[in-house]
């Protein structure tokens, strides 16, 4: 069968399977606070079990199941959050195996739909190619269809390149605070005994503890350090005004929530070590009366209750903003969840992974005009960071956003330029500060088109302008001094990503890289010339691209077995494993 016919058959089969998977989820759509509470317990277990039980033996089958399940967060939340917040007493209860199995099934089935929808789009766009094969079904020998998906576009999972840079940036933040962390570890040893005496297990399943100012102060400091590691918070500067207050005020409340979360994890770990039979789902996820919680945070911060309540609105997932946070593939890392008018559910997973992504998503939707005003000012901050990287007498710098004209019209601009007086090399920069990119198809397509198409156009215009006017004229307009015409190097910097799945056509006349990779290369070897830096960045990008893992998986979408980048085609059952 020709490849085009194979792809069409594969796409048709996957679309039908996705429709079946949607119908499989309909019985799970039972919005209620009780079910929401149990789902939050399941999510805490899913994302924090490795932290809480690092020595636990996990089979390869269970590990695979849990990794797939992490894709089910948003659709699960959409299925269970009540559309209207009603006033009624909160019902607490111990989590049991029956309820856990139902919630695990919900999250897993939601993940199958999420992944199926993603690969349906990728198959349609040619990022992967598909082939429908017929195999004997285990047990009765009857034929069954199996969909084989293999990566096709060279850019398949190119996001890994940018993620690698972001991990480096996070590790640098950790390294820079290592002295402070060591001092905190010493403080923790001093309060550990008191903490052990202050926590108890009620009724064989509920966590209860008391705290002191020393304990609270310790976790407050630890939360500030921990949050500094998290990516994308630089989208808004601390002194940027959004919603009538500086962004730093939102961060202060986030620090208070994170401190409470870190403290709770520590107490839960003490109980877990003391009572091995205690269920993590009962220990991790808790709840609080809404008014009491707002008053407690206000008192902790010595802040106005009204202001804290307004800020918390941006950190709470509820029916009011569920569409904003769950309509994308990027998981909603909710710090707080509200499923009734009087109670806050307090999960851990969102605060542990990246609550900034939740906060920033909410602020963008809630204060749109402020957000776009702030976005227009971001580039100036970035230019300032570049200027710091090129400080010193060796480097001439231009930060004036020079406009280039062709045929009497402004065709493009130069965001930043620097001349290496030692080697007579000119570096010209295009800066693209996009939203953080996960594997959300809409964000991926929008960001990729903006990044690649606009940057290719920028390269074409700059090269055309240089051919028409000459390098010396550009040097003059930049205000640089050079005894002879310098060698020119073009750079396209993406704030988080410069390479995105489905976008392969980067104009190779420029160096394309993420800000983190550029900053790393520049800071680790500041004496590099422009040409050396360009060569090293190209080499590093190629190295990361050739070593990326992509995705290799086996799943069941609807009733269709799907194998993604398989090394072999096993006849084994695709049934879900029993989880311990």
Protein backbone atom coordinates (compact mmCIF):
# COMPACT_ATOMS: atom_id res chain seq x y z
CA UNK A 1 0.00 0.00 0.00
CA UNK A 2 1.46 3.47 -0.90
CA UNK A 3 2.53 5.61 2.04
CA UNK A 4 -0.23 8.18 1.47
CA UNK A 5 -2.88 5.47 1.56
CA UNK A 6 -1.28 3.99 4.68
CA UNK A 7 -1.32 7.38 6.38
CA UNK A 8 -4.94 8.03 5.45
CA UNK A 9 -5.99 4.61 6.73
CA UNK A 10 -4.00 5.17 9.94
CA UNK A 11 -5.49 8.63 10.47
CA UNK A 12 -9.02 7.36 9.90
CA UNK A 13 -8.47 4.53 12.39
CA UNK A 14 -7.03 6.85 15.03
CA UNK A 15 -9.85 9.38 14.63
CA UNK A 16 -12.40 6.62 15.11
CA UNK A 17 -10.50 5.34 18.16
CA UNK A 18 -10.44 8.83 19.69
CA UNK A 19 -14.21 9.07 19.25
CA UNK A 20 -14.63 5.71 21.00
CA UNK A 21 -12.33 6.88 23.79
CA UNK A 22 -14.46 10.00 24.30
CA UNK A 23 -17.54 7.83 24.66
CA UNK A 24 -15.71 5.64 27.20
CA UNK A 25 -15.26 8.71 29.41
CA UNK A 26 -18.93 9.68 29.52
CA UNK A 27 -19.81 7.42 32.51
CA UNK A 28 -16.95 9.04 34.48
CA UNK A 29 -18.39 12.56 34.10
CA UNK A 30 -19.92 12.86 37.57
CA UNK A 31 -19.14 16.33 38.94
CA UNK A 32 -19.15 16.45 42.73
CA UNK A 33 -16.96 17.70 45.56
CA UNK A 34 -16.56 14.17 46.95
CA UNK A 35 -15.24 12.80 43.66
CA UNK A 36 -13.08 15.89 43.12
CA UNK A 37 -11.49 15.33 46.53
CA UNK A 38 -10.71 11.71 45.71
CA UNK A 39 -9.30 12.68 42.30
CA UNK A 40 -7.00 15.22 43.95
CA UNK A 41 -5.79 12.46 46.29
CA UNK A 42 -5.09 10.30 43.24
CA UNK A 43 -3.13 13.10 41.54
CA UNK A 44 -1.06 13.72 44.66
CA UNK A 45 -0.27 10.01 44.79
CA UNK A 46 0.57 9.95 41.08
CA UNK A 47 3.04 12.82 41.20
CA UNK A 48 4.49 12.49 44.71
CA UNK A 49 4.68 8.77 45.46
CA UNK A 50 8.29 8.56 44.21
CA UNK A 51 9.21 11.42 46.55
CA UNK A 52 7.42 9.91 49.54
CA UNK A 53 8.45 6.28 48.92
CA UNK A 54 11.75 6.40 46.99
CA UNK A 55 12.73 2.81 47.84
CA UNK A 56 9.44 1.28 46.71
CA UNK A 57 9.89 -1.41 44.05
CA UNK A 58 7.93 -0.59 40.90
CA UNK A 59 7.41 -3.00 38.02
CA UNK A 60 8.07 -1.78 34.49
CA UNK A 61 4.37 -2.25 33.73
CA UNK A 62 3.26 -0.07 36.66
CA UNK A 63 5.88 2.55 35.89
CA UNK A 64 4.62 2.74 32.29
CA UNK A 65 1.01 3.00 33.47
CA UNK A 66 1.80 5.81 35.90
CA UNK A 67 3.79 7.81 33.33
CA UNK A 68 0.94 7.57 30.85
CA UNK A 69 -1.55 8.58 33.53
CA UNK A 70 0.20 11.92 34.10
CA UNK A 71 -1.34 13.07 30.81
CA UNK A 72 -4.85 12.72 32.24
CA UNK A 73 -4.84 15.63 34.70
CA UNK A 74 -6.86 18.21 32.79
CA UNK A 75 -9.59 16.02 31.36
CA UNK A 76 -10.05 14.35 34.75
CA UNK A 77 -10.49 17.72 36.44
CA UNK A 78 -12.98 18.82 33.79
CA UNK A 79 -14.96 15.63 34.39
CA UNK A 80 -15.39 16.03 38.13
CA UNK A 81 -15.37 19.72 39.08
CA UNK A 82 -18.95 20.89 39.84
CA UNK A 83 -20.15 23.61 37.43
CA UNK A 84 -21.75 25.52 40.33
CA UNK A 85 -20.25 26.01 43.80
CA UNK A 86 -22.88 25.05 46.35
CA UNK A 87 -22.81 25.64 50.11
CA UNK A 88 -22.76 22.44 52.15
CA UNK A 89 -20.59 20.85 54.85
CA UNK A 90 -17.44 19.18 53.58
CA UNK A 91 -17.54 15.39 53.73
CA UNK A 92 -14.22 13.86 54.79
CA UNK A 93 -13.63 10.13 54.54
CA UNK A 94 -10.73 7.67 54.33
CA UNK A 95 -9.63 6.81 50.83
CA UNK A 96 -10.14 3.11 50.11
CA UNK A 97 -9.03 0.75 47.36
CA UNK A 98 -12.38 0.74 45.60
CA UNK A 99 -12.52 4.53 45.26
CA UNK A 100 -8.85 4.67 44.37
CA UNK A 101 -9.28 2.19 41.53
CA UNK A 102 -12.16 4.21 40.06
CA UNK A 103 -10.18 7.47 40.17
CA UNK A 104 -7.07 5.80 38.75
CA UNK A 105 -9.20 4.45 35.89
CA UNK A 106 -10.66 7.91 35.24
CA UNK A 107 -7.25 9.56 35.10
CA UNK A 108 -5.82 6.80 32.90
CA UNK A 109 -8.72 6.88 30.43
CA UNK A 110 -8.45 10.68 30.29
CA UNK A 111 -4.75 10.28 29.51
CA UNK A 112 -5.52 7.89 26.65
CA UNK A 113 -7.82 10.50 25.14
CA UNK A 114 -5.28 13.30 25.65
CA UNK A 115 -2.46 11.34 24.02
CA UNK A 116 -4.74 10.05 21.26
CA UNK A 117 -5.81 13.60 20.35
CA UNK A 118 -2.20 14.76 20.29
CA UNK A 119 -1.06 11.99 17.96
CA UNK A 120 -4.10 12.44 15.75
CA UNK A 121 -2.92 16.03 15.15
CA UNK A 122 0.71 14.93 14.71
CA UNK A 123 -0.31 12.24 12.22
CA UNK A 124 -2.36 14.77 10.27
CA UNK A 125 0.58 17.22 10.18
CA UNK A 126 3.14 14.58 9.21
CA UNK A 127 5.16 14.78 12.42
CA UNK A 128 4.58 11.03 12.73
CA UNK A 129 3.62 8.47 10.13
CA UNK A 130 1.23 5.64 10.74
CA UNK A 131 0.56 2.14 9.55
CA UNK A 132 -2.40 -0.06 10.44
CA UNK A 133 -1.39 -3.69 10.84
CA UNK A 134 -3.42 -6.81 11.46
CA UNK A 135 -2.28 -9.14 14.24
CA UNK A 136 -3.74 -12.22 15.89
CA UNK A 137 -5.41 -11.33 19.16
CA UNK A 138 -3.96 -13.03 22.25
CA UNK A 139 -6.30 -15.71 23.54
CA UNK A 140 -8.62 -16.49 20.64
CA UNK A 141 -6.36 -15.90 17.62
CA UNK A 142 -8.86 -13.61 15.88
CA UNK A 143 -7.45 -10.69 13.91
CA UNK A 144 -7.15 -7.26 15.51
CA UNK A 145 -5.91 -3.92 14.17
CA UNK A 146 -2.80 -2.41 15.70
CA UNK A 147 -1.73 1.15 14.85
CA UNK A 148 2.02 1.65 14.52
CA UNK A 149 3.20 5.27 14.80
CA UNK A 150 6.80 6.24 14.07
CA UNK A 151 8.43 9.65 14.18
CA UNK A 152 8.71 11.14 10.71
CA UNK A 153 9.59 14.84 10.89
CA UNK A 154 13.16 15.58 12.02
CA UNK A 155 11.65 18.01 14.54
CA UNK A 156 9.73 15.24 16.34
CA UNK A 157 9.96 16.05 20.08
CA UNK A 158 12.37 18.95 19.44
CA UNK A 159 10.94 20.50 22.60
CA UNK A 160 13.42 18.29 24.45
CA UNK A 161 16.19 20.63 23.28
CA UNK A 162 14.61 23.60 25.05
CA UNK A 163 13.69 21.52 28.11
CA UNK A 164 17.35 20.59 28.45
CA UNK A 165 18.24 24.28 28.66
CA UNK A 166 15.50 24.99 31.18
CA UNK A 167 16.78 22.14 33.37
CA UNK A 168 20.22 23.76 33.29
CA UNK A 169 18.73 27.11 34.34
CA UNK A 170 16.95 25.38 37.23
CA UNK A 171 20.15 23.64 38.31
CA UNK A 172 22.00 26.97 38.27
CA UNK A 173 19.38 28.48 40.57
CA UNK A 174 19.86 25.50 42.89
CA UNK A 175 23.66 25.82 42.72
CA UNK A 176 23.57 29.54 43.46
CA UNK A 177 21.60 28.84 46.64
CA UNK A 178 23.58 25.79 47.78
CA UNK A 179 25.11 27.63 50.75
CA UNK A 180 21.71 28.78 51.95
CA UNK A 181 20.31 25.27 51.49
CA UNK A 182 23.11 23.77 53.59
CA UNK A 183 22.31 26.20 56.38
CA UNK A 184 18.64 25.26 56.12
CA UNK A 185 19.54 21.57 56.36
CA UNK A 186 21.31 22.32 59.65
CA UNK A 187 18.20 24.16 60.89
CA UNK A 188 16.03 21.22 59.86
CA UNK A 189 18.06 18.88 62.03
CA UNK A 190 17.41 21.18 65.00
CA UNK A 191 13.63 21.22 64.53
CA UNK A 192 13.24 17.60 63.39
CA UNK A 193 12.74 16.16 66.89
CA UNK A 194 10.12 18.76 67.76
CA UNK A 195 8.31 18.03 64.48
CA UNK A 196 8.26 14.30 65.27
CA UNK A 197 6.56 15.04 68.60
CA UNK A 198 4.06 17.40 66.96
CA UNK A 199 2.43 15.06 64.43
CA UNK A 200 -0.03 12.21 64.95
CA UNK A 201 -2.26 9.85 63.01
CA UNK A 202 -5.94 10.22 63.99
CA UNK A 203 -8.31 7.34 63.57
CA UNK A 204 -5.63 5.35 61.81
CA UNK A 205 -5.78 7.50 58.65
CA UNK A 206 -5.93 11.31 59.24
CA UNK A 207 -2.86 13.50 59.66
CA UNK A 208 -2.81 16.03 62.50
CA UNK A 209 0.04 18.31 63.54
CA UNK A 210 0.87 21.52 65.36
CA UNK A 211 3.50 24.05 64.40
CA UNK A 212 5.72 26.79 65.85
CA UNK A 213 7.18 30.04 64.58
CA UNK A 214 10.59 28.37 64.12
CA UNK A 215 9.06 25.61 62.02
CA UNK A 216 7.03 28.08 59.95
CA UNK A 217 10.04 30.36 59.39
CA UNK A 218 12.16 27.41 58.28
CA UNK A 219 9.64 26.25 55.65
CA UNK A 220 9.05 29.82 54.53
CA UNK A 221 12.74 30.17 53.67
CA UNK A 222 12.81 26.76 52.03
CA UNK A 223 9.76 27.63 49.89
CA UNK A 224 11.43 30.80 48.58
CA UNK A 225 14.46 28.80 47.49
CA UNK A 226 12.40 25.99 45.99
CA UNK A 227 10.26 28.36 43.92
CA UNK A 228 13.35 30.02 42.45
CA UNK A 229 14.12 26.80 40.59
CA UNK A 230 10.89 26.87 38.60
CA UNK A 231 10.76 27.89 34.96
CA UNK A 232 8.70 30.57 33.20
CA UNK A 233 8.23 32.89 36.21
CA UNK A 234 10.32 35.47 34.33
CA UNK A 235 7.34 36.13 32.03
CA UNK A 236 6.45 38.89 34.48
CA UNK A 237 8.97 41.02 36.40
CA UNK A 238 8.53 41.40 40.18
CA UNK A 239 7.67 45.10 39.86
CA UNK A 240 5.30 44.75 36.88
CA UNK A 241 1.80 45.93 37.84
CA UNK A 242 -0.97 43.45 37.03
CA UNK A 243 -4.47 43.55 38.48
CA UNK A 244 -3.57 46.76 40.32
CA UNK A 245 -0.63 45.33 42.31
CA UNK A 246 2.97 44.33 41.65
CA UNK A 247 3.59 40.75 40.59
CA UNK A 248 5.77 40.31 43.68
CA UNK A 249 2.60 40.35 45.83
CA UNK A 250 1.24 37.30 44.01
CA UNK A 251 4.60 35.59 44.45
CA UNK A 252 4.53 36.34 48.20
CA UNK A 253 1.19 34.55 48.54
CA UNK A 254 2.52 31.71 46.42
CA UNK A 255 5.50 31.46 48.78
CA UNK A 256 3.11 31.20 51.75
CA UNK A 257 1.18 28.38 50.04
CA UNK A 258 4.40 26.63 49.09
CA UNK A 259 5.72 26.90 52.65
CA UNK A 260 2.53 25.33 53.96
CA UNK A 261 2.83 22.57 51.32
CA UNK A 262 6.50 21.82 52.09
CA UNK A 263 5.72 21.68 55.79
CA UNK A 264 2.82 19.32 55.18
CA UNK A 265 5.02 17.01 53.08
CA UNK A 266 7.59 16.90 55.88
CA UNK A 267 4.99 15.99 58.52
CA UNK A 268 3.44 13.40 56.20
CA UNK A 269 6.86 11.83 55.67
CA UNK A 270 7.32 11.50 59.45
CA UNK A 271 3.96 9.76 59.77
CA UNK A 272 4.65 7.55 56.77
CA UNK A 273 7.90 6.35 58.36
CA UNK A 274 6.10 5.74 61.66
CA UNK A 275 2.98 4.06 60.23
CA UNK A 276 3.88 2.06 57.14
CA UNK A 277 0.26 1.02 56.62
CA UNK A 278 -0.97 4.63 56.41
CA UNK A 279 -2.21 5.45 52.92
CA UNK A 280 -0.36 8.31 51.23
CA UNK A 281 -3.57 9.58 49.67
CA UNK A 282 -4.99 10.22 53.13
CA UNK A 283 -1.79 11.88 54.34
CA UNK A 284 -1.06 14.22 51.42
CA UNK A 285 -4.33 15.83 50.33
CA UNK A 286 -6.23 17.92 52.89
CA UNK A 287 -8.88 20.64 53.00
CA UNK A 288 -9.77 23.81 54.90
CA UNK A 289 -12.71 26.13 55.39
CA UNK A 290 -12.35 28.89 52.81
CA UNK A 291 -12.78 31.82 55.23
CA UNK A 292 -10.48 30.25 57.81
CA UNK A 293 -7.82 29.59 55.17
CA UNK A 294 -7.88 33.17 53.84
CA UNK A 295 -7.70 34.55 57.38
CA UNK A 296 -4.81 32.21 58.21
CA UNK A 297 -2.79 33.23 55.13
CA UNK A 298 -3.52 36.91 55.83
CA UNK A 299 -2.37 36.56 59.44
CA UNK A 300 0.73 34.60 58.39
CA UNK A 301 1.67 37.37 55.94
CA UNK A 302 0.38 40.22 58.15
CA UNK A 303 -1.61 41.35 55.13
CA UNK A 304 -5.07 42.72 54.29
CA UNK A 305 -7.67 39.95 54.08
CA UNK A 306 -9.40 41.45 51.04
CA UNK A 307 -6.13 41.62 49.09
CA UNK A 308 -5.19 38.04 50.01
CA UNK A 309 -8.64 36.83 48.96
CA UNK A 310 -8.29 38.56 45.57
CA UNK A 311 -4.81 37.12 45.01
CA UNK A 312 -5.94 33.64 46.04
CA UNK A 313 -8.64 33.82 43.35
CA UNK A 314 -5.77 33.58 40.85
CA UNK A 315 -4.37 30.47 42.54
CA UNK A 316 -7.60 28.49 42.97
CA UNK A 317 -8.99 26.12 40.34
CA UNK A 318 -12.79 26.16 40.30
CA UNK A 319 -15.75 26.19 37.91
CA UNK A 320 -15.00 29.88 37.33
CA UNK A 321 -11.67 29.25 35.58
CA UNK A 322 -11.64 25.52 34.80
CA UNK A 323 -11.86 26.15 31.03
CA UNK A 324 -8.92 28.55 31.15
CA UNK A 325 -6.70 26.01 32.88
CA UNK A 326 -7.79 22.69 31.43
CA UNK A 327 -8.59 23.35 27.77
CA UNK A 328 -4.89 22.90 26.91
CA UNK A 329 -2.61 19.87 27.11
CA UNK A 330 -0.40 21.61 29.68
CA UNK A 331 -1.40 20.14 33.04
CA UNK A 332 -3.16 22.50 35.45
CA UNK A 333 -0.72 22.65 38.38
CA UNK A 334 -3.42 23.92 40.73
CA UNK A 335 -2.22 25.15 44.16
CA UNK A 336 -5.79 25.09 45.54
CA UNK A 337 -9.01 23.53 44.24
CA UNK A 338 -12.53 24.66 45.10
CA UNK A 339 -15.52 22.37 44.54
CA UNK A 340 -18.00 24.03 46.94
CA UNK A 341 -18.50 27.59 48.12
CA UNK A 342 -17.18 27.11 51.66
CA UNK A 343 -14.22 24.73 51.31
CA UNK A 344 -10.78 24.71 49.73
CA UNK A 345 -9.23 21.36 48.77
CA UNK A 346 -5.46 21.54 49.29
CA UNK A 347 -3.51 19.22 46.98
CA UNK A 348 0.28 19.10 46.93
CA UNK A 349 1.18 18.19 43.34
CA UNK A 350 0.65 21.62 41.78
CA UNK A 351 2.77 23.48 44.31
CA UNK A 352 5.48 20.85 44.05
CA UNK A 353 5.80 20.93 40.25
CA UNK A 354 5.20 24.46 38.93
CA UNK A 355 2.45 26.70 40.35
CA UNK A 356 3.85 29.66 38.38
CA UNK A 357 2.39 28.19 35.21
CA UNK A 358 -1.05 28.11 36.83
CA UNK A 359 -0.70 31.63 38.24
CA UNK A 360 0.53 33.15 34.98
CA UNK A 361 -2.17 31.44 32.92
CA UNK A 362 -4.81 32.81 35.29
CA UNK A 363 -3.38 36.34 35.33
CA UNK A 364 -3.24 36.43 31.54
CA UNK A 365 -6.94 35.51 31.28
CA UNK A 366 -8.05 37.68 34.20
CA UNK A 367 -6.11 40.87 33.38
CA UNK A 368 -5.67 40.71 29.62
CA UNK A 369 -4.89 44.39 29.00
CA UNK A 370 -2.28 44.43 31.78
CA UNK A 371 -0.78 41.22 30.43
CA UNK A 372 -0.24 42.59 26.93
CA UNK A 373 1.15 45.86 28.27
CA UNK A 374 3.67 43.83 30.29
CA UNK A 375 4.43 41.63 27.26
CA UNK A 376 5.35 44.71 25.25
CA UNK A 377 7.94 45.64 27.87
CA UNK A 378 9.57 42.21 28.19
CA UNK A 379 12.02 42.71 25.39
CA UNK A 380 13.67 45.61 27.19
CA UNK A 381 14.41 43.33 30.16
CA UNK A 382 15.87 40.72 27.84
CA UNK A 383 18.04 43.27 26.07
CA UNK A 384 19.31 44.32 29.49
CA UNK A 385 20.29 40.70 30.22
CA UNK A 386 22.15 40.50 26.90
CA UNK A 387 23.91 43.76 27.68
CA UNK A 388 25.15 42.27 30.96
CA UNK A 389 26.47 39.20 29.13
CA UNK A 390 28.46 41.47 26.82
CA UNK A 391 29.77 43.92 29.41
CA UNK A 392 33.37 45.08 29.16
CA UNK A 393 35.55 47.16 26.82
CA UNK A 394 35.92 44.32 24.28
CA UNK A 395 32.28 44.60 23.27
CA UNK A 396 30.49 47.49 21.57
CA UNK A 397 26.73 47.25 22.11
CA UNK A 398 23.57 48.67 20.56
CA UNK A 399 20.25 48.37 22.42
CA UNK A 400 18.27 51.00 20.52
CA UNK A 401 16.14 48.64 18.39
CA UNK A 402 17.52 49.88 15.09
CA UNK A 403 14.95 49.98 12.26
CA UNK A 404 15.97 48.71 8.81
CA UNK A 405 14.26 50.12 5.73
CA UNK A 406 13.80 48.56 2.30
CA UNK A 407 12.19 50.50 -0.54
CA UNK A 408 11.57 53.40 1.82
CA UNK A 409 9.57 51.36 4.33
CA UNK A 410 10.53 49.91 7.71
CA UNK A 411 11.06 46.22 6.92
CA UNK A 412 12.33 44.92 10.27
CA UNK A 413 14.46 45.84 13.27
CA UNK A 414 17.50 44.65 15.17
CA UNK A 415 16.71 43.88 18.80
CA UNK A 416 20.33 43.80 19.95
CA UNK A 417 23.75 43.93 18.33
CA UNK A 418 27.29 43.67 19.60
CA UNK A 419 30.67 44.05 17.90
CA UNK A 420 33.65 42.03 19.11
CA UNK A 421 36.45 44.57 18.89
CA UNK A 422 39.06 41.83 19.35
CA UNK A 423 38.02 39.63 16.41
CA UNK A 424 35.99 42.20 14.42
CA UNK A 425 32.86 40.05 14.39
CA UNK A 426 29.34 41.49 14.49
CA UNK A 427 26.50 39.59 16.20
CA UNK A 428 22.93 40.59 15.35
CA UNK A 429 20.00 39.26 17.39
CA UNK A 430 16.32 38.58 16.89
CA UNK A 431 14.56 37.92 20.22
CA UNK A 432 11.38 35.85 20.38
CA UNK A 433 9.81 35.72 23.85
CA UNK A 434 7.02 33.21 23.38
CA UNK A 435 4.81 31.50 25.92
CA UNK A 436 6.28 28.34 27.49
CA UNK A 437 5.69 25.44 25.11
CA UNK A 438 4.57 22.02 26.31
CA UNK A 439 3.04 19.56 23.84
CA UNK A 440 -0.27 21.41 23.57
CA UNK A 441 -1.12 21.32 19.87
CA UNK A 442 -2.66 24.78 19.64
CA UNK A 443 0.17 26.48 21.53
CA UNK A 444 2.76 24.44 19.62
CA UNK A 445 1.35 25.43 16.23
CA UNK A 446 0.89 29.09 17.14
CA UNK A 447 4.32 29.40 18.73
CA UNK A 448 6.06 27.46 15.98
CA UNK A 449 4.52 29.52 13.20
CA UNK A 450 5.33 32.78 14.96
CA UNK A 451 8.88 31.72 15.76
CA UNK A 452 9.94 30.06 12.52
CA UNK A 453 7.97 32.02 9.91
CA UNK A 454 8.64 35.45 11.40
CA UNK A 455 12.29 34.71 12.16
CA UNK A 456 12.89 33.33 8.66
CA UNK A 457 11.43 36.54 7.31
CA UNK A 458 13.70 38.57 9.63
CA UNK A 459 16.76 36.69 8.38
CA UNK A 460 15.73 37.22 4.77
CA UNK A 461 15.18 40.96 5.28
CA UNK A 462 18.47 41.49 7.17
CA UNK A 463 20.44 39.58 4.53
CA UNK A 464 18.71 41.52 1.73
CA UNK A 465 19.40 44.82 3.50
CA UNK A 466 23.09 43.96 3.89
CA UNK A 467 23.36 43.07 0.22
CA UNK A 468 21.76 46.35 -0.72
CA UNK A 469 23.50 48.66 1.77
CA UNK A 470 26.62 46.85 2.94
CA UNK A 471 28.00 45.83 6.31
CA UNK A 472 29.87 49.10 6.80
CA UNK A 473 26.63 51.07 6.60
CA UNK A 474 25.05 48.85 9.23
CA UNK A 475 28.09 49.32 11.49
CA UNK A 476 27.75 53.09 11.08
CA UNK A 477 24.02 53.07 11.90
CA UNK A 478 24.64 50.93 14.95
CA UNK A 479 27.13 53.52 16.17
CA UNK A 480 30.04 51.07 16.22
CA UNK A 481 33.67 51.76 15.37
CA UNK A 482 35.51 49.23 13.20
CA UNK A 483 38.72 49.60 11.15
CA UNK A 484 37.37 47.24 8.47
CA UNK A 485 34.19 45.44 7.53
CA UNK A 486 33.36 42.89 10.26
CA UNK A 487 32.11 39.35 9.74
CA UNK A 488 28.38 39.14 10.46
CA UNK A 489 26.62 36.41 12.44
CA UNK A 490 22.84 36.26 12.89
CA UNK A 491 21.22 34.77 16.00
CA UNK A 492 17.57 33.88 16.63
CA UNK A 493 16.95 33.39 20.35
CA UNK A 494 13.75 31.80 21.66
CA UNK A 495 13.20 32.61 25.32
CA UNK A 496 12.28 29.00 26.14
CA UNK A 497 12.41 27.12 22.84
CA UNK A 498 13.91 27.63 19.39
CA UNK A 499 13.00 24.16 18.07
CA UNK A 500 9.42 22.86 18.09
CA UNK A 501 7.79 19.67 16.82
CA UNK A 502 6.47 20.10 13.28
CA UNK A 503 8.63 23.09 12.36
CA UNK A 504 11.74 21.98 10.47
CA UNK A 505 12.42 24.86 8.11
CA UNK A 506 14.84 27.05 10.06
CA UNK A 507 16.88 29.34 7.81
CA UNK A 508 20.40 28.08 8.44
CA UNK A 509 21.95 31.49 7.74
CA UNK A 510 21.30 32.17 11.44
CA UNK A 511 22.06 30.34 14.67
CA UNK A 512 18.83 29.21 16.37
CA UNK A 513 18.89 28.44 20.08
CA UNK A 514 17.03 28.92 23.33
CA UNK A 515 18.01 31.65 25.77
CA UNK A 516 19.15 29.14 28.39
CA UNK A 517 21.55 27.43 25.98
CA UNK A 518 22.88 30.76 24.77
CA UNK A 519 23.36 32.05 28.30
CA UNK A 520 25.08 28.83 29.35
CA UNK A 521 27.56 28.93 26.45
CA UNK A 522 28.26 32.60 26.99
CA UNK A 523 28.77 32.41 30.77
CA UNK A 524 30.80 29.18 30.79
CA UNK A 525 33.30 30.52 28.23
CA UNK A 526 33.02 34.32 28.11
CA UNK A 527 36.20 34.67 26.03
CA UNK A 528 34.68 32.83 23.09
CA UNK A 529 34.56 34.87 19.91
CA UNK A 530 31.25 35.32 18.12
CA UNK A 531 32.17 32.74 15.48
CA UNK A 532 33.28 30.24 18.13
CA UNK A 533 30.05 30.76 20.04
CA UNK A 534 28.00 30.30 16.86
CA UNK A 535 29.82 27.07 15.98
CA UNK A 536 29.50 25.69 19.51
CA UNK A 537 25.78 26.49 19.69
CA UNK A 538 25.15 24.77 16.35
CA UNK A 539 27.13 21.75 17.51
CA UNK A 540 25.31 21.60 20.86
CA UNK A 541 21.91 21.83 19.19
CA UNK A 542 22.79 19.03 16.79
CA UNK A 543 24.09 16.92 19.67
CA UNK A 544 20.88 17.41 21.66
CA UNK A 545 18.72 16.71 18.62
CA UNK A 546 20.53 13.46 17.83
CA UNK A 547 20.35 12.30 21.46
CA UNK A 548 16.72 13.20 22.19
CA UNK A 549 14.60 10.31 23.39
CA UNK A 550 11.27 11.37 21.96
CA UNK A 551 8.50 9.05 23.03
CA UNK A 552 8.20 5.28 22.85
CA UNK A 553 5.04 3.87 24.30
CA UNK A 554 2.19 1.38 24.09
CA UNK A 555 -1.39 2.40 24.83
CA UNK A 556 -5.01 1.65 24.09
CA UNK A 557 -7.08 4.44 22.54
CA UNK A 558 -10.71 3.39 22.45
CA UNK A 559 -10.32 -0.26 21.49
CA UNK A 560 -7.32 0.37 19.21
CA UNK A 561 -3.86 -0.70 20.40
CA UNK A 562 -1.35 2.03 19.51
CA UNK A 563 2.41 1.47 19.50
CA UNK A 564 4.56 4.60 19.33
CA UNK A 565 8.09 4.15 18.01
CA UNK A 566 8.22 0.45 18.89
CA UNK A 567 11.44 -1.50 18.65
CA UNK A 568 9.32 -4.62 18.17
CA UNK A 569 5.64 -5.51 17.90
CA UNK A 570 4.81 -7.64 20.96
CA UNK A 571 1.65 -9.76 21.09
CA UNK A 572 1.31 -9.05 24.84
CA UNK A 573 -1.94 -7.80 26.32
CA UNK A 574 -2.41 -4.05 26.70
CA UNK A 575 -4.50 -4.40 29.83
CA UNK A 576 -3.99 -1.91 32.66
CA UNK A 577 -1.88 -3.23 35.54
CA UNK A 578 -3.08 -3.46 39.11
CA UNK A 579 -1.40 -0.73 41.15
CA UNK A 580 -0.03 -1.18 44.63
